[in-house]
PDB file of all heavy atoms in Angstrom:
ATOM      1  N   SER A   1       3.607   9.925   8.837  1.00  0.00           N
ATOM      2  CA  SER A   1       4.973   9.786   9.348  1.00  0.00           C
ATOM      3  C   SER A   1       5.726   8.706   8.582  1.00  0.00           C
ATOM      4  O   SER A   1       6.896   8.454   8.864  1.00  0.00           O
ATOM      5  CB  SER A   1       4.937   9.407  10.839  1.00  0.00           C
ATOM      6  OG  SER A   1       4.332   8.120  11.009  1.00  0.00           O
ATOM      7  N   ARG A   2       5.064   8.057   7.616  1.00  0.00           N
ATOM      8  CA  ARG A   2       5.627   6.906   6.909  1.00  0.00           C
ATOM      9  C   ARG A   2       6.211   7.319   5.560  1.00  0.00           C
ATOM     10  O   ARG A   2       5.510   7.883   4.708  1.00  0.00           O
ATOM     11  CB  ARG A   2       4.549   5.858   6.671  1.00  0.00           C
ATOM     12  CG  ARG A   2       3.965   5.260   7.933  1.00  0.00           C
ATOM     13  CD  ARG A   2       4.865   4.186   8.488  1.00  0.00           C
ATOM     14  NE  ARG A   2       4.230   3.505   9.623  1.00  0.00           N
ATOM     15  CZ  ARG A   2       4.722   2.431  10.201  1.00  0.00           C
ATOM     16  NH1 ARG A   2       5.841   1.899   9.744  1.00  0.00           N
ATOM     17  NH2 ARG A   2       4.116   1.878  11.240  1.00  0.00           N
ATOM     18  N   LEU A   3       7.482   6.981   5.347  1.00  0.00           N
ATOM     19  CA  LEU A   3       8.127   7.314   4.076  1.00  0.00           C
ATOM     20  C   LEU A   3       7.446   6.582   2.920  1.00  0.00           C
ATOM     21  O   LEU A   3       7.283   7.142   1.837  1.00  0.00           O
ATOM     22  CB  LEU A   3       9.613   6.953   4.128  1.00  0.00           C
ATOM     23  CG  LEU A   3      10.463   7.446   2.949  1.00  0.00           C
ATOM     24  CD1 LEU A   3      10.473   8.965   2.889  1.00  0.00           C
ATOM     25  CD2 LEU A   3      11.885   6.913   3.050  1.00  0.00           C
ATOM     26  N   HIS A   4       7.047   5.319   3.160  1.00  0.00           N
ATOM     27  CA  HIS A   4       6.425   4.560   2.077  1.00  0.00           C
ATOM     28  C   HIS A   4       4.926   4.826   1.964  1.00  0.00           C
ATOM     29  O   HIS A   4       4.214   4.102   1.266  1.00  0.00           O
ATOM     30  CB  HIS A   4       6.712   3.060   2.233  1.00  0.00           C
ATOM     31  CG  HIS A   4       8.077   2.715   1.769  1.00  0.00           C
ATOM     32  ND1 HIS A   4       9.115   2.483   2.644  1.00  0.00           N
ATOM     33  CD2 HIS A   4       8.596   2.593   0.519  1.00  0.00           C
ATOM     34  CE1 HIS A   4      10.204   2.227   1.963  1.00  0.00           C
ATOM     35  NE2 HIS A   4       9.930   2.298   0.683  1.00  0.00           N
ATOM     36  N   CYS A   5       4.480   5.867   2.606  1.00  0.00           N
ATOM     37  CA  CYS A   5       3.200   6.492   2.312  1.00  0.00           C
ATOM     38  C   CYS A   5       3.472   7.794   1.567  1.00  0.00           C
ATOM     39  O   CYS A   5       2.808   8.098   0.576  1.00  0.00           O
ATOM     40  CB  CYS A   5       2.417   6.746   3.592  1.00  0.00           C
ATOM     41  SG  CYS A   5       0.913   7.691   3.364  1.00  0.00           S
ATOM     42  N   ALA A   6       4.458   8.563   2.040  1.00  0.00           N
ATOM     43  CA  ALA A   6       4.769   9.866   1.442  1.00  0.00           C
ATOM     44  C   ALA A   6       5.269   9.733   0.004  1.00  0.00           C
ATOM     45  O   ALA A   6       4.851  10.490  -0.887  1.00  0.00           O
ATOM     46  CB  ALA A   6       5.805  10.590   2.297  1.00  0.00           C
ATOM     47  N   LEU A   7       6.184   8.785  -0.249  1.00  0.00           N
ATOM     48  CA  LEU A   7       6.751   8.662  -1.603  1.00  0.00           C
ATOM     49  C   LEU A   7       5.719   8.208  -2.629  1.00  0.00           C
ATOM     50  O   LEU A   7       5.681   8.748  -3.744  1.00  0.00           O
ATOM     51  CB  LEU A   7       7.961   7.732  -1.583  1.00  0.00           C
ATOM     52  CG  LEU A   7       9.149   8.201  -0.719  1.00  0.00           C
ATOM     53  CD1 LEU A   7      10.342   7.264  -0.889  1.00  0.00           C
ATOM     54  CD2 LEU A   7       9.549   9.636  -1.060  1.00  0.00           C
ATOM     55  N   PRO A   8       4.865   7.234  -2.311  1.00  0.00           N
ATOM     56  CA  PRO A   8       3.784   6.933  -3.254  1.00  0.00           C
ATOM     57  C   PRO A   8       2.885   8.134  -3.546  1.00  0.00           C
ATOM     58  O   PRO A   8       2.362   8.260  -4.655  1.00  0.00           O
ATOM     59  CB  PRO A   8       3.006   5.824  -2.548  1.00  0.00           C
ATOM     60  CG  PRO A   8       4.043   5.109  -1.750  1.00  0.00           C
ATOM     61  CD  PRO A   8       4.937   6.211  -1.238  1.00  0.00           C
ATOM     62  N   CYS A   9       2.712   9.020  -2.555  1.00  0.00           N
ATOM     63  CA  CYS A   9       1.919  10.228  -2.802  1.00  0.00           C
ATOM     64  C   CYS A   9       2.593  11.117  -3.848  1.00  0.00           C
ATOM     65  O   CYS A   9       1.915  11.741  -4.673  1.00  0.00           O
ATOM     66  CB  CYS A   9       1.715  11.013  -1.509  1.00  0.00           C
ATOM     67  SG  CYS A   9       0.550  10.235  -0.363  1.00  0.00           S
ATOM     68  N   LEU A  10       3.930  11.167  -3.836  1.00  0.00           N
ATOM     69  CA  LEU A  10       4.638  11.910  -4.880  1.00  0.00           C
ATOM     70  C   LEU A  10       4.325  11.319  -6.240  1.00  0.00           C
ATOM     71  O   LEU A  10       4.062  12.038  -7.208  1.00  0.00           O
ATOM     72  CB  LEU A  10       6.149  11.875  -4.631  1.00  0.00           C
ATOM     73  CG  LEU A  10       6.691  12.624  -3.413  1.00  0.00           C
ATOM     74  CD1 LEU A  10       8.211  12.507  -3.365  1.00  0.00           C
ATOM     75  CD2 LEU A  10       6.291  14.096  -3.446  1.00  0.00           C
ATOM     76  N   SER A  11       4.349   9.994  -6.316  1.00  0.00           N
ATOM     77  CA  SER A  11       4.085   9.340  -7.604  1.00  0.00           C
ATOM     78  C   SER A  11       2.657   9.597  -8.085  1.00  0.00           C
ATOM     79  O   SER A  11       2.397   9.561  -9.289  1.00  0.00           O
ATOM     80  CB  SER A  11       4.326   7.825  -7.487  1.00  0.00           C
ATOM     81  OG  SER A  11       3.287   7.183  -6.779  1.00  0.00           O
ATOM     82  N   GLN A  12       1.743   9.856  -7.149  1.00  0.00           N
ATOM     83  CA  GLN A  12       0.337  10.099  -7.493  1.00  0.00           C
ATOM     84  C   GLN A  12       0.005  11.581  -7.601  1.00  0.00           C
ATOM     85  O   GLN A  12      -1.137  11.949  -7.856  1.00  0.00           O
ATOM     86  CB  GLN A  12      -0.574   9.453  -6.442  1.00  0.00           C
ATOM     87  CG  GLN A  12      -0.349   7.977  -6.241  1.00  0.00           C
ATOM     88  CD  GLN A  12      -0.470   7.185  -7.528  1.00  0.00           C
ATOM     89  OE1 GLN A  12      -1.483   7.259  -8.219  1.00  0.00           O
ATOM     90  NE2 GLN A  12       0.574   6.420  -7.867  1.00  0.00           N
ATOM     91  N   LYS A  13       1.012  12.430  -7.367  1.00  0.00           N
ATOM     92  CA  LYS A  13       0.831  13.889  -7.398  1.00  0.00           C
ATOM     93  C   LYS A  13      -0.222  14.349  -6.375  1.00  0.00           C
ATOM     94  O   LYS A  13      -0.964  15.315  -6.592  1.00  0.00           O
ATOM     95  CB  LYS A  13       0.468  14.375  -8.803  1.00  0.00           C
ATOM     96  CG  LYS A  13       1.518  14.045  -9.861  1.00  0.00           C
ATOM     97  CD  LYS A  13       1.183  14.665 -11.188  1.00  0.00           C
ATOM     98  CE  LYS A  13       2.181  14.265 -12.260  1.00  0.00           C
ATOM     99  NZ  LYS A  13       3.573  14.633 -11.943  1.00  0.00           N
ATOM    100  N   THR A  14      -0.273  13.646  -5.252  1.00  0.00           N
ATOM    101  CA  THR A  14      -1.168  14.009  -4.156  1.00  0.00           C
ATOM    102  C   THR A  14      -0.404  14.846  -3.141  1.00  0.00           C
ATOM    103  O   THR A  14       0.660  14.425  -2.675  1.00  0.00           O
ATOM    104  CB  THR A  14      -1.708  12.748  -3.456  1.00  0.00           C
ATOM    105  OG1 THR A  14      -2.437  11.962  -4.391  1.00  0.00           O
ATOM    106  CG2 THR A  14      -2.616  13.120  -2.295  1.00  0.00           C
ATOM    107  N   PRO A  15      -0.883  16.026  -2.788  1.00  0.00           N
ATOM    108  CA  PRO A  15      -0.193  16.833  -1.774  1.00  0.00           C
ATOM    109  C   PRO A  15       0.034  16.031  -0.498  1.00  0.00           C
ATOM    110  O   PRO A  15      -0.887  15.384   0.009  1.00  0.00           O
ATOM    111  CB  PRO A  15      -1.154  17.997  -1.535  1.00  0.00           C
ATOM    112  CG  PRO A  15      -1.923  18.112  -2.811  1.00  0.00           C
ATOM    113  CD  PRO A  15      -2.097  16.701  -3.297  1.00  0.00           C
ATOM    114  N   VAL A  16       1.269  16.069   0.016  1.00  0.00           N
ATOM    115  CA  VAL A  16       1.588  15.249   1.180  1.00  0.00           C
ATOM    116  C   VAL A  16       2.466  16.024   2.148  1.00  0.00           C
ATOM    117  O   VAL A  16       3.344  16.796   1.733  1.00  0.00           O
ATOM    118  CB  VAL A  16       2.279  13.929   0.760  1.00  0.00           C
ATOM    119  CG1 VAL A  16       3.564  14.174  -0.022  1.00  0.00           C
ATOM    120  CG2 VAL A  16       2.523  13.030   1.958  1.00  0.00           C
ATOM    121  N   LEU A  17       2.208  15.829   3.427  1.00  0.00           N
ATOM    122  CA  LEU A  17       3.009  16.427   4.496  1.00  0.00           C
ATOM    123  C   LEU A  17       3.608  15.296   5.319  1.00  0.00           C
ATOM    124  O   LEU A  17       2.882  14.471   5.889  1.00  0.00           O
ATOM    125  CB  LEU A  17       2.133  17.316   5.383  1.00  0.00           C
ATOM    126  CG  LEU A  17       2.826  17.943   6.607  1.00  0.00           C
ATOM    127  CD1 LEU A  17       3.931  18.903   6.179  1.00  0.00           C
ATOM    128  CD2 LEU A  17       1.803  18.662   7.495  1.00  0.00           C
ATOM    129  N   LEU A  18       4.936  15.244   5.387  1.00  0.00           N
ATOM    130  CA  LEU A  18       5.637  14.239   6.183  1.00  0.00           C
ATOM    131  C   LEU A  18       5.872  14.798   7.581  1.00  0.00           C
ATOM    132  O   LEU A  18       6.482  15.860   7.739  1.00  0.00           O
ATOM    133  CB  LEU A  18       6.966  13.880   5.524  1.00  0.00           C
ATOM    134  CG  LEU A  18       7.829  12.833   6.238  1.00  0.00           C
ATOM    135  CD1 LEU A  18       7.129  11.479   6.270  1.00  0.00           C
ATOM    136  CD2 LEU A  18       9.196  12.705   5.563  1.00  0.00           C
ATOM    137  N   VAL A  19       5.403  14.090   8.592  1.00  0.00           N
ATOM    138  CA  VAL A  19       5.499  14.532   9.979  1.00  0.00           C
ATOM    139  C   VAL A  19       6.537  13.681  10.696  1.00  0.00           C
ATOM    140  O   VAL A  19       6.418  12.454  10.763  1.00  0.00           O
ATOM    141  CB  VAL A  19       4.140  14.408  10.695  1.00  0.00           C
ATOM    142  CG1 VAL A  19       4.261  14.900  12.135  1.00  0.00           C
ATOM    143  CG2 VAL A  19       3.066  15.196   9.947  1.00  0.00           C
ATOM    144  N   LEU A  20       7.556  14.325  11.244  1.00  0.00           N
ATOM    145  CA  LEU A  20       8.658  13.617  11.887  1.00  0.00           C
ATOM    146  C   LEU A  20       8.704  13.880  13.392  1.00  0.00           C
ATOM    147  O   LEU A  20       8.308  14.963  13.846  1.00  0.00           O
ATOM    148  CB  LEU A  20       9.992  14.068  11.279  1.00  0.00           C
ATOM    149  CG  LEU A  20      10.146  13.918   9.769  1.00  0.00           C
ATOM    150  CD1 LEU A  20      11.444  14.568   9.313  1.00  0.00           C
ATOM    151  CD2 LEU A  20      10.113  12.456   9.378  1.00  0.00           C
ATOM    152  N   PRO A  21       9.190  12.920  14.164  1.00  0.00           N
ATOM    153  CA  PRO A  21       9.432  13.168  15.586  1.00  0.00           C
ATOM    154  C   PRO A  21      10.679  14.044  15.754  1.00  0.00           C
ATOM    155  O   PRO A  21      11.564  14.042  14.892  1.00  0.00           O
ATOM    156  CB  PRO A  21       9.651  11.770  16.164  1.00  0.00           C
ATOM    157  CG  PRO A  21      10.158  10.979  15.011  1.00  0.00           C
ATOM    158  CD  PRO A  21       9.486  11.528  13.786  1.00  0.00           C
ATOM    159  N   ARG A  22      10.734  14.763  16.822  1.00  0.00           N
ATOM    160  CA  ARG A  22      11.846  15.697  17.066  1.00  0.00           C
ATOM    161  C   ARG A  22      12.928  15.042  17.934  1.00  0.00           C
ATOM    162  O   ARG A  22      12.655  14.137  18.707  1.00  0.00           O
ATOM    163  CB  ARG A  22      11.310  16.936  17.765  1.00  0.00           C
ATOM    164  CG  ARG A  22      12.332  17.997  18.096  1.00  0.00           C
ATOM    165  CD  ARG A  22      12.638  18.877  16.906  1.00  0.00           C
ATOM    166  NE  ARG A  22      11.536  19.798  16.643  1.00  0.00           N
ATOM    167  CZ  ARG A  22      11.584  20.763  15.723  1.00  0.00           C
ATOM    168  NH1 ARG A  22      12.673  20.915  14.978  1.00  0.00           N
ATOM    169  NH2 ARG A  22      10.552  21.559  15.529  1.00  0.00           N
ATOM    170  N   ASP A  23      14.173  15.495  17.746  1.00  0.00           N
ATOM    171  CA  ASP A  23      15.284  15.182  18.654  1.00  0.00           C
ATOM    172  C   ASP A  23      15.573  13.690  18.772  1.00  0.00           C
ATOM    173  O   ASP A  23      15.732  13.147  19.865  1.00  0.00           O
ATOM    174  CB  ASP A  23      15.016  15.763  20.055  1.00  0.00           C
ATOM    175  CG  ASP A  23      14.872  17.283  20.023  1.00  0.00           C
ATOM    176  OD1 ASP A  23      15.515  17.896  19.149  1.00  0.00           O
ATOM    177  OD2 ASP A  23      14.144  17.820  20.848  1.00  0.00           O
ATOM    178  N   GLY A  24      15.601  13.019  17.633  1.00  0.00           N
ATOM    179  CA  GLY A  24      16.041  11.631  17.641  1.00  0.00           C
ATOM    180  C   GLY A  24      15.014  10.623  18.066  1.00  0.00           C
ATOM    181  O   GLY A  24      15.317   9.435  18.160  1.00  0.00           O
ATOM    182  N   ARG A  25      13.782  11.064  18.366  1.00  0.00           N
ATOM    183  CA  ARG A  25      12.753  10.081  18.694  1.00  0.00           C
ATOM    184  C   ARG A  25      12.354   9.335  17.429  1.00  0.00           C
ATOM    185  O   ARG A  25      12.570   9.783  16.327  1.00  0.00           O
ATOM    186  CB  ARG A  25      11.537  10.779  19.302  1.00  0.00           C
ATOM    187  CG  ARG A  25      11.794  11.308  20.714  1.00  0.00           C
ATOM    188  CD  ARG A  25      10.568  11.981  21.297  1.00  0.00           C
ATOM    189  NE  ARG A  25      10.253  13.228  20.612  1.00  0.00           N
ATOM    190  CZ  ARG A  25       9.148  13.441  19.908  1.00  0.00           C
ATOM    191  NH1 ARG A  25       8.250  12.492  19.784  1.00  0.00           N
ATOM    192  NH2 ARG A  25       8.936  14.599  19.334  1.00  0.00           N
ATOM    193  N   GLY A  26      11.774   8.169  17.604  1.00  0.00           N
ATOM    194  CA  GLY A  26      11.381   7.367  16.453  1.00  0.00           C
ATOM    195  C   GLY A  26      12.410   6.287  16.168  1.00  0.00           C
ATOM    196  O   GLY A  26      13.251   5.975  17.006  1.00  0.00           O
TER     197      GLY A  26
END
C-alpha cells in the first residue's frame, strides 16, 4: 500500500501491485 515501496520496485523491475483503500479511506 506504500508508494515508496511501489516506486522503488519500478526502478528494480520487480513486479508490483499497489493496493489502495476504497472510498477515501487512508
